[in-house]
Each structure stands twice: as structure tokens, then as C-alpha cells.
Amino acid sequence: MREAVPPRKTSSGRSEFEGPTWLVLAGCYSLWLLSLWGLEALGWIAVVPLAIAIALHSSLQHEILHGHPTRNALLNEALISIPMGLFIPYRRFRDLHLRHHRDDRLTDPYDDPESFYQCHSEISKSCGLVRALLAVNATFAGRMLIGPAMAMFAFWTWDLRLFRSGDRRVIDAWMRHLILVSALIWVLYVFGVDGWLYFTAAYLGMSLIMVRSFIEHRADQDVAARTAVVDAHWFWRLLFLNNNFHLVHHDRPSMAWYRLPRYWHAERETIAERNGGYVFPGYGSVAWRWLFRRREPYVHPLTNYGDAPDQGA
């Protein structure tokens, strides 16, 4: 992983006050609370703003694990401690995502925790149903529909093994998460929120995040060519906190989200040349091209392992 970039300093030497990040934090929690408060009037329509708030919260978690908006890691974590998305402990997301930033291992089925590729030696042992699901998951529509379920199943299965093996880091992350989820369930009960409604919103929120992750990496011998840039509509840029400029983020992982577009536009031609033209004008073009067609084979084309190495965080 590249070395973290120190927090930007003002001319007085103090760390920059990240006003845009604080505004997004306030907006995210306001949208979430207003959706819960207006549930009786909105009914199942509330799933839409709830899903947007949950997806935005996930983007904020990503921003915070990279050291924003303050220099205090515990304070940053407290800012996103409400487990809106239900399914993944923040500390597990943090640990695994930081491992994902080892660019020389990007897309590797074993060394990149966020890879959607499979290893040939493992797939050869799988049944036809599993292969069919993986093929569907390699399409844009499939990723939106079953991608969250498949990702959660793989993640939970692996973490259960680590939990049973006594991995203290994993156990601690899950214990914290379960306590916070229990508190969240109590809040939902107070608001009179139907459990299935909120579960659906959390699932849809994860589907929205899959819009970004579907295209952001590909298997390629050239490390720089593995990471995409999507010059997306303002809605997606805000929802993903400019993580659609994904190669820029991998180049500058500690750069605040609101500074990524300027960097991209200043270095656009250089970046596009570096990543082999892996650039898209928007997510609409991605969906149109691969809605019901596989973007790539789900088996990693550059690896062929036997036994998998340890994947503990």
C-alpha cells in the first residue's frame, strides 16, 4: 500500500478543517432520521431515502478509515459508529479495505479482500448452481440483485472461521458490531420501523455501493490498468464521495474526497494513459454495456492457485 499522505495543512500550520465532510455527515444522519420519522406517512417508499442514506454512510466510513475528517482515529470512528448498513462491522471493513490498497495484489482472489474474481482451483470443485450464480453476478443486473447476498455470504463464512479459530481482532470487531446493532434495533423499535423494511433498505443500500464496485477494478498485468475512473453524474459522485475517480483515490488514498475531482481534471490525460483508457463517461454507460452481459469471466485470468494462503486480517 502507498504511504499515507499527511493531513493537508493551512498556511498557519494547522490541519485543514474539512467542512465538506462535516456537511455530508450532517446531511447523511439528517436524511436517515427524517426517513425514520416520516415512515408512517411514507410507508415502503421510505426504503428509497433510507437506502441512499445507508449507501452514503458506507462512503463516509470509507472516507473516515482513510483519516478524515479529523486526525483523531477514535473520534472519526465514533462519527460513523451507528451501524446503519447492519451487515459488516466497521472495524472489519477498515482492516480489509486497507489490505485492498496493496495495489500490486489488486483483484487477486486471495490477497485482495475486495476481489470478485474466483480462483480456478476452487471453482473446479464447485457445483453447477454456484457457477451459474457467479456468472449472473458478473453482469451489472446480477451484481445489483444478488451481489450483496453473495458478498455477505462469502464474508460471513470467512469471518466465522476466523471467529472460531480465536482471532481476537475479528472477535472484538464483531462483538462491538453486535452491541451497536442491538442498540440500533431498539431505536428502530422506538420509531416503529418494520424490520423487513429496514433490512430491505440496508440491502438496497449495499446494491447502490455495488454500482461503483462493479466496474472499479479489472484483472490486468499492468498494475495501473487495474483501476478505473468513472466521470459520473453529480448524484453518484456525492453518493460515493468521488470514489468513482478510483485510480485517483488509489494514487492518493489520504486525499480528502472533495479534492479528487480537481486532481482528476488536472491530470486527466496522464491518468487515462496510465490505466490504459479504463475510463467511463458515467455509470449509465456501464449499465447499458453490461446489464445482462458478463463484464469479464468470473475466474481470475492471471492466477491459478492450489491451496489458498491465510486471509486473516
C-alpha atoms as a PDB file:
ATOM      1  CA  MET A   1       0.000   0.000   0.000  1.00  0.00           C
ATOM      2  CA  ARG A   2       1.181   3.522  -0.740  1.00  0.00           C
ATOM      3  CA  GLU A   3       2.277   5.647   2.181  1.00  0.00           C
ATOM      4  CA  ALA A   4      -0.497   7.747   3.655  1.00  0.00           C
ATOM      5  CA  VAL A   5      -0.440  11.405   2.701  1.00  0.00           C
ATOM      6  CA  PRO A   6      -0.269  13.622   5.826  1.00  0.00           C
ATOM      7  CA  PRO A   7      -3.353  15.778   6.517  1.00  0.00           C
ATOM      8  CA  ARG A   8      -3.286  18.982   4.477  1.00  0.00           C
ATOM      9  CA  LYS A   9      -2.051  21.949   6.495  1.00  0.00           C
ATOM     10  CA  THR A  10      -3.202  25.527   6.301  1.00  0.00           C
ATOM     11  CA  SER A  11      -0.718  28.378   5.997  1.00  0.00           C
ATOM     12  CA  SER A  12      -0.723  28.629   9.801  1.00  0.00           C
ATOM     13  CA  GLY A  13       0.443  25.019  10.097  1.00  0.00           C
ATOM     14  CA  ARG A  14      -2.847  23.711  11.455  1.00  0.00           C
ATOM     15  CA  SER A  15      -4.675  20.755   9.924  1.00  0.00           C
ATOM     16  CA  GLU A  16      -7.383  21.706   7.455  1.00  0.00           C
ATOM     17  CA  PHE A  17     -10.948  21.878   8.749  1.00  0.00           C
ATOM     18  CA  GLU A  18     -12.819  19.539   6.421  1.00  0.00           C
ATOM     19  CA  GLY A  19     -16.081  21.427   6.186  1.00  0.00           C
ATOM     20  CA  PRO A  20     -17.486  19.450   3.221  1.00  0.00           C
ATOM     21  CA  THR A  21     -17.075  16.156   5.102  1.00  0.00           C
ATOM     22  CA  TRP A  22     -18.830  17.528   8.184  1.00  0.00           C
ATOM     23  CA  LEU A  23     -21.693  18.787   6.000  1.00  0.00           C
ATOM     24  CA  VAL A  24     -22.101  15.378   4.366  1.00  0.00           C
ATOM     25  CA  LEU A  25     -22.065  13.699   7.780  1.00  0.00           C
ATOM     26  CA  ALA A  26     -24.831  16.021   8.977  1.00  0.00           C
ATOM     27  CA  GLY A  27     -26.798  15.507   5.769  1.00  0.00           C
ATOM     28  CA  CYS A  28     -26.489  11.718   5.926  1.00  0.00           C
ATOM     29  CA  TYR A  29     -27.763  11.468   9.501  1.00  0.00           C
ATOM     30  CA  SER A  30     -30.500  14.021   8.818  1.00  0.00           C
ATOM     31  CA  LEU A  31     -31.769  12.046   5.816  1.00  0.00           C
ATOM     32  CA  TRP A  32     -31.691   8.818   7.841  1.00  0.00           C
ATOM     33  CA  LEU A  33     -33.566  10.289  10.812  1.00  0.00           C
ATOM     34  CA  LEU A  34     -36.111  12.106   8.633  1.00  0.00           C
ATOM     35  CA  SER A  35     -36.801   8.868   6.767  1.00  0.00           C
ATOM     36  CA  LEU A  36     -37.428   7.063  10.055  1.00  0.00           C
ATOM     37  CA  TRP A  37     -39.529   9.921  11.406  1.00  0.00           C
ATOM     38  CA  GLY A  38     -41.664  10.090   8.251  1.00  0.00           C
ATOM     39  CA  LEU A  39     -42.063   6.352   7.961  1.00  0.00           C
ATOM     40  CA  GLU A  40     -45.736   6.323   8.906  1.00  0.00           C
ATOM     41  CA  ALA A  41     -46.539   8.774   6.124  1.00  0.00           C
ATOM     42  CA  LEU A  42     -44.152   7.349   3.537  1.00  0.00           C
ATOM     43  CA  GLY A  43     -44.656   3.634   4.125  1.00  0.00           C
ATOM     44  CA  TRP A  44     -42.482   1.426   1.929  1.00  0.00           C
ATOM     45  CA  ILE A  45     -41.442   4.470  -0.129  1.00  0.00           C
ATOM     46  CA  ALA A  46     -39.147   5.253   2.817  1.00  0.00           C
ATOM     47  CA  VAL A  47     -36.929   2.411   1.595  1.00  0.00           C
ATOM     48  CA  VAL A  48     -35.558   4.742  -1.107  1.00  0.00           C
ATOM     49  CA  PRO A  49     -34.208   7.599   1.082  1.00  0.00           C
ATOM     50  CA  LEU A  50     -33.129   5.063   3.711  1.00  0.00           C
ATOM     51  CA  ALA A  51     -31.109   3.119   1.119  1.00  0.00           C
ATOM     52  CA  ILE A  52     -29.484   6.337  -0.104  1.00  0.00           C
ATOM     53  CA  ALA A  53     -28.580   7.338   3.463  1.00  0.00           C
ATOM     54  CA  ILE A  54     -27.151   3.874   4.151  1.00  0.00           C
ATOM     55  CA  ALA A  55     -25.050   3.908   0.968  1.00  0.00           C
ATOM     56  CA  LEU A  56     -23.788   7.402   1.759  1.00  0.00           C
ATOM     57  CA  HIS A  57     -22.925   6.255   5.287  1.00  0.00           C
ATOM     58  CA  SER A  58     -20.831   3.458   3.784  1.00  0.00           C
ATOM     59  CA  SER A  59     -18.969   6.047   1.691  1.00  0.00           C
ATOM     60  CA  LEU A  60     -18.381   8.084   4.837  1.00  0.00           C
ATOM     61  CA  GLN A  61     -16.974   5.015   6.572  1.00  0.00           C
ATOM     62  CA  HIS A  62     -14.554   4.675   3.683  1.00  0.00           C
ATOM     63  CA  GLU A  63     -13.536   8.320   4.000  1.00  0.00           C
ATOM     64  CA  ILE A  64     -13.083   8.018   7.748  1.00  0.00           C
ATOM     65  CA  LEU A  65     -10.896   4.908   7.661  1.00  0.00           C
ATOM     66  CA  HIS A  66      -8.537   6.917   5.445  1.00  0.00           C
ATOM     67  CA  GLY A  67      -8.091   9.506   8.178  1.00  0.00           C
ATOM     68  CA  HIS A  68     -10.852  12.095   7.759  1.00  0.00           C
ATOM     69  CA  PRO A  69     -12.274  14.480   8.878  1.00  0.00           C
ATOM     70  CA  THR A  70     -10.028  14.780  11.973  1.00  0.00           C
ATOM     71  CA  ARG A  71      -6.617  13.456  12.973  1.00  0.00           C
ATOM     72  CA  ASN A  72      -8.159  11.510  15.881  1.00  0.00           C
ATOM     73  CA  ALA A  73      -8.944   7.956  14.744  1.00  0.00           C
ATOM     74  CA  LEU A  74     -11.242   7.212  17.706  1.00  0.00           C
ATOM     75  CA  LEU A  75     -13.250  10.393  17.153  1.00  0.00           C
ATOM     76  CA  ASN A  76     -13.519   9.613  13.462  1.00  0.00           C
ATOM     77  CA  GLU A  77     -14.780   6.116  14.225  1.00  0.00           C
ATOM     78  CA  ALA A  78     -17.321   7.497  16.697  1.00  0.00           C
ATOM     79  CA  LEU A  79     -18.725   9.726  13.958  1.00  0.00           C
ATOM     80  CA  ILE A  80     -19.861   6.689  11.965  1.00  0.00           C
ATOM     81  CA  SER A  81     -20.424   4.270  14.848  1.00  0.00           C
ATOM     82  CA  ILE A  82     -24.134   3.773  14.082  1.00  0.00           C
ATOM     83  CA  PRO A  83     -24.181   0.548  12.010  1.00  0.00           C
ATOM     84  CA  MET A  84     -26.771   1.799   9.506  1.00  0.00           C
ATOM     85  CA  GLY A  85     -25.857  -0.885   6.981  1.00  0.00           C
ATOM     86  CA  LEU A  86     -26.271  -3.735   9.510  1.00  0.00           C
ATOM     87  CA  PHE A  87     -24.198  -6.340   7.708  1.00  0.00           C
ATOM     88  CA  ILE A  88     -20.489  -5.527   8.101  1.00  0.00           C
ATOM     89  CA  PRO A  89     -18.598  -4.396  11.236  1.00  0.00           C
ATOM     90  CA  TYR A  90     -16.792  -1.119  10.600  1.00  0.00           C
ATOM     91  CA  ARG A  91     -13.508  -2.412  12.003  1.00  0.00           C
ATOM     92  CA  ARG A  92     -13.582  -5.410   9.682  1.00  0.00           C
ATOM     93  CA  PHE A  93     -14.325  -3.127   6.742  1.00  0.00           C
ATOM     94  CA  ARG A  94     -11.445  -0.889   7.820  1.00  0.00           C
ATOM     95  CA  ASP A  95      -8.904  -3.686   8.157  1.00  0.00           C
ATOM     96  CA  LEU A  96      -9.881  -5.437   4.940  1.00  0.00           C
ATOM     97  CA  HIS A  97     -10.084  -2.258   2.898  1.00  0.00           C
ATOM     98  CA  LEU A  98      -6.612  -1.151   3.948  1.00  0.00           C
ATOM     99  CA  ARG A  99      -5.352  -4.540   2.751  1.00  0.00           C
ATOM    100  CA  HIS A 100      -7.144  -3.876  -0.547  1.00  0.00           C
ATOM    101  CA  HIS A 101      -4.834  -0.883  -1.066  1.00  0.00           C
ATOM    102  CA  ARG A 102      -1.852  -3.118  -1.796  1.00  0.00           C
ATOM    103  CA  ASP A 103      -2.034  -2.209  -5.470  1.00  0.00           C
ATOM    104  CA  ASP A 104       0.359  -4.933  -6.612  1.00  0.00           C
ATOM    105  CA  ARG A 105      -2.184  -7.511  -5.356  1.00  0.00           C
ATOM    106  CA  LEU A 106      -5.351  -5.852  -6.664  1.00  0.00           C
ATOM    107  CA  THR A 107      -8.011  -8.308  -7.954  1.00  0.00           C
ATOM    108  CA  ASP A 108      -6.092 -11.318  -6.627  1.00  0.00           C
ATOM    109  CA  PRO A 109      -8.737 -13.796  -5.370  1.00  0.00           C
ATOM    110  CA  TYR A 110      -6.822 -14.446  -2.155  1.00  0.00           C
ATOM    111  CA  ASP A 111      -4.729 -11.355  -1.458  1.00  0.00           C
ATOM    112  CA  ASP A 112      -7.335  -8.706  -2.337  1.00  0.00           C
ATOM    113  CA  PRO A 113     -10.247  -8.930   0.140  1.00  0.00           C
ATOM    114  CA  GLU A 114     -12.486  -6.928  -2.213  1.00  0.00           C
ATOM    115  CA  SER A 115     -11.900  -9.025  -5.328  1.00  0.00           C
ATOM    116  CA  PHE A 116     -14.941 -10.530  -7.035  1.00  0.00           C
ATOM    117  CA  TYR A 117     -12.785 -12.943  -9.021  1.00  0.00           C
ATOM    118  CA  GLN A 118     -12.600 -16.626  -8.194  1.00  0.00           C
ATOM    119  CA  CYS A 119      -9.642 -18.986  -8.295  1.00  0.00           C
ATOM    120  CA  HIS A 120      -9.732 -21.768 -10.902  1.00  0.00           C
ATOM    121  CA  SER A 121      -8.749 -24.457  -8.410  1.00  0.00           C
ATOM    122  CA  GLU A 122     -11.680 -23.507  -6.154  1.00  0.00           C
ATOM    123  CA  ILE A 123     -14.234 -23.167  -8.954  1.00  0.00           C
ATOM    124  CA  SER A 124     -13.315 -26.598 -10.276  1.00  0.00           C
ATOM    125  CA  LYS A 125     -14.729 -28.015  -7.018  1.00  0.00           C
ATOM    126  CA  SER A 126     -17.982 -26.015  -7.210  1.00  0.00           C
ATOM    127  CA  CYS A 127     -21.380 -27.276  -8.304  1.00  0.00           C
ATOM    128  CA  GLY A 128     -23.300 -26.010 -11.321  1.00  0.00           C
ATOM    129  CA  LEU A 129     -25.569 -23.781  -9.229  1.00  0.00           C
ATOM    130  CA  VAL A 130     -22.616 -21.910  -7.745  1.00  0.00           C
ATOM    131  CA  ARG A 131     -21.105 -21.383 -11.181  1.00  0.00           C
ATOM    132  CA  ALA A 132     -24.435 -20.143 -12.517  1.00  0.00           C
ATOM    133  CA  LEU A 133     -24.763 -17.642  -9.665  1.00  0.00           C
ATOM    134  CA  LEU A 134     -21.207 -16.420 -10.248  1.00  0.00           C
ATOM    135  CA  ALA A 135     -21.978 -15.939 -13.937  1.00  0.00           C
ATOM    136  CA  VAL A 136     -25.085 -13.905 -13.097  1.00  0.00           C
ATOM    137  CA  ASN A 137     -23.103 -11.907 -10.539  1.00  0.00           C
ATOM    138  CA  ALA A 138     -20.633 -10.948 -13.281  1.00  0.00           C
ATOM    139  CA  THR A 139     -23.384  -8.919 -15.027  1.00  0.00           C
ATOM    140  CA  PHE A 140     -24.459  -5.467 -13.897  1.00  0.00           C
ATOM    141  CA  ALA A 141     -28.063  -6.521 -13.221  1.00  0.00           C
ATOM    142  CA  GLY A 142     -26.914  -9.618 -11.386  1.00  0.00           C
ATOM    143  CA  ARG A 143     -24.494  -7.637  -9.242  1.00  0.00           C
ATOM    144  CA  MET A 144     -27.320  -5.315  -8.156  1.00  0.00           C
ATOM    145  CA  LEU A 145     -29.700  -8.195  -7.463  1.00  0.00           C
ATOM    146  CA  ILE A 146     -27.617 -10.964  -5.886  1.00  0.00           C
ATOM    147  CA  GLY A 147     -24.230  -9.271  -5.456  1.00  0.00           C
ATOM    148  CA  PRO A 148     -24.873  -8.125  -1.876  1.00  0.00           C
ATOM    149  CA  ALA A 149     -26.098 -11.581  -0.827  1.00  0.00           C
ATOM    150  CA  MET A 150     -23.100 -13.334  -2.377  1.00  0.00           C
ATOM    151  CA  ALA A 151     -20.635 -10.846  -0.901  1.00  0.00           C
ATOM    152  CA  MET A 152     -22.167 -11.153   2.563  1.00  0.00           C
ATOM    153  CA  PHE A 153     -22.230 -14.952   2.409  1.00  0.00           C
ATOM    154  CA  ALA A 154     -18.543 -15.107   1.464  1.00  0.00           C
ATOM    155  CA  PHE A 155     -17.573 -12.521   4.079  1.00  0.00           C
ATOM    156  CA  TRP A 156     -19.613 -14.050   6.914  1.00  0.00           C
ATOM    157  CA  THR A 157     -18.398 -17.566   6.092  1.00  0.00           C
ATOM    158  CA  TRP A 158     -14.774 -16.487   6.221  1.00  0.00           C
ATOM    159  CA  ASP A 159     -15.185 -14.418   9.369  1.00  0.00           C
ATOM    160  CA  LEU A 160     -16.971 -17.296  11.093  1.00  0.00           C
ATOM    161  CA  ARG A 161     -13.888 -19.425  10.500  1.00  0.00           C
ATOM    162  CA  LEU A 162     -11.651 -16.713  11.928  1.00  0.00           C
ATOM    163  CA  PHE A 163     -14.052 -16.280  14.858  1.00  0.00           C
ATOM    164  CA  ARG A 164     -13.929 -19.997  15.625  1.00  0.00           C
ATOM    165  CA  SER A 165     -10.130 -20.016  15.359  1.00  0.00           C
ATOM    166  CA  GLY A 166      -9.988 -17.414  18.144  1.00  0.00           C
ATOM    167  CA  ASP A 167      -8.830 -14.421  16.096  1.00  0.00           C
ATOM    168  CA  ARG A 168      -9.117 -11.699  18.747  1.00  0.00           C
ATOM    169  CA  ARG A 169      -9.215  -8.849  16.255  1.00  0.00           C
ATOM    170  CA  VAL A 170     -12.167 -10.381  14.416  1.00  0.00           C
ATOM    171  CA  ILE A 171     -13.968 -11.327  17.646  1.00  0.00           C
ATOM    172  CA  ASP A 172     -13.575  -7.798  19.018  1.00  0.00           C
ATOM    173  CA  ALA A 173     -14.891  -6.226  15.797  1.00  0.00           C
ATOM    174  CA  TRP A 174     -17.959  -8.463  15.774  1.00  0.00           C
ATOM    175  CA  MET A 175     -18.719  -8.026  19.471  1.00  0.00           C
ATOM    176  CA  ARG A 176     -18.653  -4.242  19.080  1.00  0.00           C
ATOM    177  CA  HIS A 177     -20.799  -4.501  15.991  1.00  0.00           C
ATOM    178  CA  LEU A 178     -23.430  -6.744  17.582  1.00  0.00           C
ATOM    179  CA  ILE A 179     -23.744  -4.422  20.571  1.00  0.00           C
ATOM    180  CA  LEU A 180     -24.238  -1.432  18.285  1.00  0.00           C
ATOM    181  CA  VAL A 181     -26.709  -3.311  16.069  1.00  0.00           C
ATOM    182  CA  SER A 182     -28.703  -4.230  19.178  1.00  0.00           C
ATOM    183  CA  ALA A 183     -28.869  -0.537  20.093  1.00  0.00           C
ATOM    184  CA  LEU A 184     -29.928   0.306  16.539  1.00  0.00           C
ATOM    185  CA  ILE A 185     -32.705  -2.291  16.662  1.00  0.00           C
ATOM    186  CA  TRP A 186     -34.002  -0.640  19.821  1.00  0.00           C
ATOM    187  CA  VAL A 187     -34.029   2.749  18.041  1.00  0.00           C
ATOM    188  CA  LEU A 188     -35.913   1.231  15.118  1.00  0.00           C
ATOM    189  CA  TYR A 189     -38.421  -0.265  17.562  1.00  0.00           C
ATOM    190  CA  VAL A 190     -38.954   3.162  19.138  1.00  0.00           C
ATOM    191  CA  PHE A 191     -39.609   4.644  15.700  1.00  0.00           C
ATOM    192  CA  GLY A 192     -41.960   1.764  14.885  1.00  0.00           C
ATOM    193  CA  VAL A 193     -39.887   0.689  11.890  1.00  0.00           C
ATOM    194  CA  ASP A 194     -40.839  -2.604  10.296  1.00  0.00           C
ATOM    195  CA  GLY A 195     -37.825  -4.936  10.479  1.00  0.00           C
ATOM    196  CA  TRP A 196     -38.220  -6.219   6.923  1.00  0.00           C
ATOM    197  CA  LEU A 197     -38.481  -2.676   5.605  1.00  0.00           C
ATOM    198  CA  TYR A 198     -35.196  -1.673   7.193  1.00  0.00           C
ATOM    199  CA  PHE A 199     -33.495  -4.911   6.102  1.00  0.00           C
ATOM    200  CA  THR A 200     -34.636  -4.208   2.538  1.00  0.00           C
ATOM    201  CA  ALA A 201     -33.276  -0.656   2.746  1.00  0.00           C
ATOM    202  CA  ALA A 202     -29.922  -1.954   4.018  1.00  0.00           C
ATOM    203  CA  TYR A 203     -29.756  -4.484   1.181  1.00  0.00           C
ATOM    204  CA  LEU A 204     -30.614  -1.834  -1.406  1.00  0.00           C
ATOM    205  CA  GLY A 205     -28.017   0.483   0.121  1.00  0.00           C
ATOM    206  CA  MET A 206     -25.419  -2.227  -0.436  1.00  0.00           C
ATOM    207  CA  SER A 207     -26.691  -2.664  -4.009  1.00  0.00           C
ATOM    208  CA  LEU A 208     -26.088   1.039  -4.630  1.00  0.00           C
ATOM    209  CA  ILE A 209     -22.480   0.622  -3.479  1.00  0.00           C
ATOM    210  CA  MET A 210     -22.200  -2.295  -5.925  1.00  0.00           C
ATOM    211  CA  VAL A 211     -22.814   0.184  -8.775  1.00  0.00           C
ATOM    212  CA  ARG A 212     -19.368   1.560  -8.006  1.00  0.00           C
ATOM    213  CA  SER A 213     -17.544  -1.655  -7.156  1.00  0.00           C
ATOM    214  CA  PHE A 214     -18.848  -3.467 -10.269  1.00  0.00           C
ATOM    215  CA  ILE A 215     -16.524  -1.549 -12.573  1.00  0.00           C
ATOM    216  CA  GLU A 216     -13.745  -0.135 -10.424  1.00  0.00           C
ATOM    217  CA  HIS A 217     -11.188  -2.966 -10.884  1.00  0.00           C
ATOM    218  CA  ARG A 218     -10.207  -5.455 -13.564  1.00  0.00           C
ATOM    219  CA  ALA A 219      -7.522  -8.104 -13.888  1.00  0.00           C
ATOM    220  CA  ASP A 220      -4.528  -6.798 -15.836  1.00  0.00           C
ATOM    221  CA  GLN A 221      -0.782  -7.401 -15.880  1.00  0.00           C
ATOM    222  CA  ASP A 222      -0.231  -3.632 -15.591  1.00  0.00           C
ATOM    223  CA  VAL A 223      -0.982  -2.556 -12.011  1.00  0.00           C
ATOM    224  CA  ALA A 224      -2.162   0.939 -13.003  1.00  0.00           C
ATOM    225  CA  ALA A 225      -4.517  -0.518 -15.617  1.00  0.00           C
ATOM    226  CA  ARG A 226      -6.404  -2.470 -12.933  1.00  0.00           C
ATOM    227  CA  THR A 227      -8.259   0.564 -11.583  1.00  0.00           C
ATOM    228  CA  ALA A 228     -10.987   2.555 -13.322  1.00  0.00           C
ATOM    229  CA  VAL A 229     -12.143   6.135 -13.424  1.00  0.00           C
ATOM    230  CA  VAL A 230     -15.832   6.912 -13.961  1.00  0.00           C
ATOM    231  CA  ASP A 231     -16.608  10.561 -14.729  1.00  0.00           C
ATOM    232  CA  ALA A 232     -20.041  10.186 -13.166  1.00  0.00           C
ATOM    233  CA  HIS A 233     -23.169  12.308 -12.676  1.00  0.00           C
ATOM    234  CA  TRP A 234     -23.144  14.571  -9.604  1.00  0.00           C
ATOM    235  CA  PHE A 235     -25.578  12.275  -7.744  1.00  0.00           C
ATOM    236  CA  TRP A 236     -23.197   9.320  -7.947  1.00  0.00           C
ATOM    237  CA  ARG A 237     -20.175  11.476  -7.195  1.00  0.00           C
ATOM    238  CA  LEU A 238     -21.816  12.679  -3.985  1.00  0.00           C
ATOM    239  CA  LEU A 239     -23.140   9.243  -3.032  1.00  0.00           C
ATOM    240  CA  PHE A 240     -19.698   7.696  -3.494  1.00  0.00           C
ATOM    241  CA  LEU A 241     -17.819  10.771  -2.228  1.00  0.00           C
ATOM    242  CA  ASN A 242     -15.921  10.934  -5.523  1.00  0.00           C
ATOM    243  CA  ASN A 243     -14.625   7.393  -5.144  1.00  0.00           C
ATOM    244  CA  ASN A 244     -15.733   6.967  -8.758  1.00  0.00           C
ATOM    245  CA  PHE A 245     -12.366   8.608  -9.533  1.00  0.00           C
ATOM    246  CA  HIS A 246     -10.971   5.380  -8.236  1.00  0.00           C
ATOM    247  CA  LEU A 247      -7.472   5.385  -9.681  1.00  0.00           C
ATOM    248  CA  VAL A 248      -7.010   8.882  -8.256  1.00  0.00           C
ATOM    249  CA  HIS A 249      -8.045   7.531  -4.859  1.00  0.00           C
ATOM    250  CA  HIS A 250      -5.574   4.645  -5.123  1.00  0.00           C
ATOM    251  CA  ASP A 251      -2.839   7.076  -6.124  1.00  0.00           C
ATOM    252  CA  ARG A 252      -3.709   9.465  -3.274  1.00  0.00           C
ATOM    253  CA  PRO A 253      -5.530   7.344  -0.646  1.00  0.00           C
ATOM    254  CA  SER A 254      -5.368  10.025   2.041  1.00  0.00           C
ATOM    255  CA  MET A 255      -6.572  12.883  -0.149  1.00  0.00           C
ATOM    256  CA  ALA A 256      -9.950  14.262   1.027  1.00  0.00           C
ATOM    257  CA  TRP A 257     -12.838  13.251  -1.218  1.00  0.00           C
ATOM    258  CA  TYR A 258     -13.704  16.796  -2.300  1.00  0.00           C
ATOM    259  CA  ARG A 259     -10.186  17.296  -3.706  1.00  0.00           C
ATOM    260  CA  LEU A 260     -10.216  14.255  -6.011  1.00  0.00           C
ATOM    261  CA  PRO A 261     -12.127  15.854  -8.951  1.00  0.00           C
ATOM    262  CA  ARG A 262      -9.653  18.724  -9.279  1.00  0.00           C
ATOM    263  CA  TYR A 263      -6.752  16.267  -9.308  1.00  0.00           C
ATOM    264  CA  TRP A 264      -8.522  14.145 -11.951  1.00  0.00           C
ATOM    265  CA  HIS A 265      -9.285  17.075 -14.243  1.00  0.00           C
ATOM    266  CA  ALA A 266      -5.741  18.429 -13.921  1.00  0.00           C
ATOM    267  CA  GLU A 267      -4.152  15.047 -14.711  1.00  0.00           C
ATOM    268  CA  ARG A 268      -6.897  13.537 -16.867  1.00  0.00           C
ATOM    269  CA  GLU A 269      -4.801  12.655 -19.930  1.00  0.00           C
ATOM    270  CA  THR A 270      -1.909  11.294 -17.868  1.00  0.00           C
ATOM    271  CA  ILE A 271      -4.198   9.161 -15.699  1.00  0.00           C
ATOM    272  CA  ALA A 272      -6.128   7.805 -18.712  1.00  0.00           C
ATOM    273  CA  GLU A 273      -2.846   6.871 -20.377  1.00  0.00           C
ATOM    274  CA  ARG A 274      -1.580   5.165 -17.224  1.00  0.00           C
ATOM    275  CA  ASN A 275      -4.652   2.977 -16.778  1.00  0.00           C
ATOM    276  CA  GLY A 276      -4.900   2.015 -20.433  1.00  0.00           C
ATOM    277  CA  GLY A 277      -8.022   4.056 -21.106  1.00  0.00           C
ATOM    278  CA  TYR A 278     -10.013   2.293 -18.391  1.00  0.00           C
ATOM    279  CA  VAL A 279     -12.226   5.386 -18.167  1.00  0.00           C
ATOM    280  CA  PHE A 280     -16.013   5.657 -18.488  1.00  0.00           C
ATOM    281  CA  PRO A 281     -18.242   8.716 -19.025  1.00  0.00           C
ATOM    282  CA  GLY A 282     -20.775   7.580 -16.407  1.00  0.00           C
ATOM    283  CA  TYR A 283     -22.433   4.616 -14.728  1.00  0.00           C
ATOM    284  CA  GLY A 284     -25.234   4.699 -17.285  1.00  0.00           C
ATOM    285  CA  SER A 285     -22.779   3.638 -19.981  1.00  0.00           C
ATOM    286  CA  VAL A 286     -21.521   0.850 -17.715  1.00  0.00           C
ATOM    287  CA  ALA A 287     -25.051  -0.421 -17.033  1.00  0.00           C
ATOM    288  CA  TRP A 288     -26.017  -0.225 -20.726  1.00  0.00           C
ATOM    289  CA  ARG A 289     -22.971  -2.197 -21.821  1.00  0.00           C
ATOM    290  CA  TRP A 290     -23.069  -4.963 -19.217  1.00  0.00           C
ATOM    291  CA  LEU A 291     -26.651  -5.013 -17.922  1.00  0.00           C
ATOM    292  CA  PHE A 292     -27.228  -8.656 -18.856  1.00  0.00           C
ATOM    293  CA  ARG A 293     -23.777  -9.480 -20.199  1.00  0.00           C
ATOM    294  CA  ARG A 294     -20.770 -10.596 -18.201  1.00  0.00           C
ATOM    295  CA  ARG A 295     -18.143  -7.880 -17.952  1.00  0.00           C
ATOM    296  CA  GLU A 296     -15.373 -10.472 -17.574  1.00  0.00           C
ATOM    297  CA  PRO A 297     -15.028 -14.166 -16.765  1.00  0.00           C
ATOM    298  CA  TYR A 298     -15.522 -14.668 -13.032  1.00  0.00           C
ATOM    299  CA  VAL A 299     -12.391 -16.862 -12.852  1.00  0.00           C
ATOM    300  CA  HIS A 300      -9.280 -14.727 -12.443  1.00  0.00           C
ATOM    301  CA  PRO A 301      -7.428 -14.898 -15.789  1.00  0.00           C
ATOM    302  CA  LEU A 302      -3.952 -14.260 -14.360  1.00  0.00           C
ATOM    303  CA  THR A 303      -3.827 -16.675 -11.416  1.00  0.00           C
ATOM    304  CA  ASN A 304      -4.166 -20.406 -10.900  1.00  0.00           C
ATOM    305  CA  TYR A 305      -3.553 -21.280  -7.265  1.00  0.00           C
ATOM    306  CA  GLY A 306      -3.717 -24.546  -5.461  1.00  0.00           C
ATOM    307  CA  ASP A 307      -4.142 -24.086  -1.723  1.00  0.00           C
ATOM    308  CA  ALA A 308      -5.224 -20.658  -0.522  1.00  0.00           C
ATOM    309  CA  PRO A 309      -2.941 -18.787   1.897  1.00  0.00           C
ATOM    310  CA  ASP A 310      -4.141 -17.392   5.183  1.00  0.00           C
ATOM    311  CA  GLN A 311      -6.571 -14.469   4.695  1.00  0.00           C
ATOM    312  CA  GLY A 312      -6.803 -13.335   8.323  1.00  0.00           C
ATOM    313  CA  ALA A 313      -6.818  -9.564   8.859  1.00  0.00           C
END
